[in-house]
């Protein structure tokens, strides 16, 4: 079995995606209390799902704006995004987010 890790990330696709979409902010969600009733693992999965949706929306936006799309390019992008480990990216955020969630709920 070949080691596919890349620069400390699950794989190249995960590393590259995080590189281009790093420094995401979840403070508004924290302040709105979105995470108040969730445990740490649920918050992490929420973050992973949110990042995946956000990246997909940004990546495919140009295809929504044009009348015809290049299906080959769409297939290549989908293949790339299928390899991204969204949980690995969420791991990058969870400690900071969870600490802020705990502070919010303790001070509420």
Protein backbone atom coordinates (compact mmCIF):
# COMPACT_ATOMS: atom_id res chain seq x y z
CA UNK A 1 0.00 0.00 0.00
CA UNK A 2 1.31 3.42 -0.99
CA UNK A 3 1.38 6.31 1.47
CA UNK A 4 -0.70 9.09 -0.12
CA UNK A 5 -0.25 11.69 2.62
CA UNK A 6 0.98 15.07 1.46
CA UNK A 7 2.58 17.75 3.64
CA UNK A 8 0.84 16.36 6.72
CA UNK A 9 -2.57 16.16 5.07
CA UNK A 10 -4.55 13.07 4.06
CA UNK A 11 -3.55 13.48 0.40
CA UNK A 12 -2.59 16.04 -2.23
CA UNK A 13 -6.21 16.94 -3.01
CA UNK A 14 -6.95 17.71 0.64
CA UNK A 15 -3.78 19.76 1.03
CA UNK A 16 -4.46 21.79 -2.13
CA UNK A 17 -8.09 22.42 -1.24
CA UNK A 18 -7.13 23.61 2.23
CA UNK A 19 -4.40 25.79 0.74
CA UNK A 20 -6.89 27.66 -1.42
CA UNK A 21 -9.72 27.76 1.12
CA UNK A 22 -7.85 28.29 4.38
CA UNK A 23 -8.69 30.81 7.10
CA UNK A 24 -12.42 30.21 6.97
CA UNK A 25 -14.36 31.86 9.78
CA UNK A 26 -17.11 30.23 11.83
CA UNK A 27 -17.53 33.03 14.39
CA UNK A 28 -20.95 34.09 13.06
CA UNK A 29 -22.25 30.53 13.46
CA UNK A 30 -20.81 30.37 16.96
CA UNK A 31 -22.40 33.70 17.93
CA UNK A 32 -25.75 32.60 16.48
CA UNK A 33 -25.63 29.51 18.70
CA UNK A 34 -25.64 27.04 15.81
CA UNK A 35 -23.32 24.70 17.72
CA UNK A 36 -24.74 25.15 21.22
CA UNK A 37 -26.59 21.82 21.35
CA UNK A 38 -23.96 19.81 19.45
CA UNK A 39 -21.10 17.75 20.81
CA UNK A 40 -17.54 18.16 19.54
CA UNK A 41 -17.80 15.37 16.93
CA UNK A 42 -21.07 16.79 15.59
CA UNK A 43 -19.49 20.24 15.31
CA UNK A 44 -16.54 18.76 13.43
CA UNK A 45 -18.87 16.96 10.99
CA UNK A 46 -20.93 20.13 10.56
CA UNK A 47 -17.75 22.04 9.72
CA UNK A 48 -16.63 19.34 7.26
CA UNK A 49 -20.03 19.37 5.51
CA UNK A 50 -20.10 23.16 5.41
CA UNK A 51 -16.60 23.41 3.92
CA UNK A 52 -17.44 20.78 1.31
CA UNK A 53 -20.60 22.63 0.30
CA UNK A 54 -18.81 25.97 0.23
CA UNK A 55 -15.94 24.69 -1.92
CA UNK A 56 -18.29 22.95 -4.34
CA UNK A 57 -20.41 26.10 -4.65
CA UNK A 58 -17.36 28.26 -5.38
CA UNK A 59 -15.76 25.78 -7.78
CA UNK A 60 -18.90 25.16 -9.81
CA UNK A 61 -20.19 28.75 -9.84
CA UNK A 62 -18.57 29.54 -13.23
CA UNK A 63 -20.35 26.55 -14.76
CA UNK A 64 -23.70 27.83 -13.52
CA UNK A 65 -23.03 31.17 -15.21
CA UNK A 66 -22.32 29.85 -18.70
CA UNK A 67 -24.85 28.37 -21.06
CA UNK A 68 -22.79 25.31 -21.89
CA UNK A 69 -20.32 23.53 -19.69
CA UNK A 70 -17.32 21.41 -20.45
CA UNK A 71 -18.38 17.99 -19.17
CA UNK A 72 -14.81 16.70 -19.24
CA UNK A 73 -13.65 19.51 -16.97
CA UNK A 74 -16.63 18.93 -14.66
CA UNK A 75 -15.74 15.24 -14.47
CA UNK A 76 -12.09 16.07 -13.67
CA UNK A 77 -13.14 18.49 -10.94
CA UNK A 78 -15.59 15.97 -9.47
CA UNK A 79 -12.90 13.30 -9.49
CA UNK A 80 -10.50 15.65 -7.68
CA UNK A 81 -13.10 16.71 -5.10
CA UNK A 82 -14.05 13.07 -4.44
CA UNK A 83 -10.53 12.57 -3.10
CA UNK A 84 -10.65 15.48 -0.65
CA UNK A 85 -10.83 14.38 2.98
CA UNK A 86 -13.24 16.99 4.35
CA UNK A 87 -12.87 15.67 7.92
CA UNK A 88 -9.12 16.24 7.70
CA UNK A 89 -9.76 19.87 6.81
CA UNK A 90 -12.32 20.17 9.61
CA UNK A 91 -9.66 18.88 12.03
CA UNK A 92 -7.75 22.04 11.16
CA UNK A 93 -10.59 24.16 12.61
CA UNK A 94 -12.25 22.11 15.34
CA UNK A 95 -10.03 22.98 18.30
CA UNK A 96 -10.46 26.72 17.84
CA UNK A 97 -14.18 26.48 17.07
CA UNK A 98 -14.86 24.11 19.96
CA UNK A 99 -13.02 26.38 22.41
CA UNK A 100 -15.16 29.34 21.29
CA UNK A 101 -18.33 27.25 21.55
CA UNK A 102 -17.44 26.26 25.12
CA UNK A 103 -16.72 29.89 26.03
CA UNK A 104 -20.06 30.98 24.55
CA UNK A 105 -22.11 28.34 26.34
CA UNK A 106 -20.31 28.87 29.66
CA UNK A 107 -20.85 32.63 29.49
CA UNK A 108 -24.48 32.41 28.36
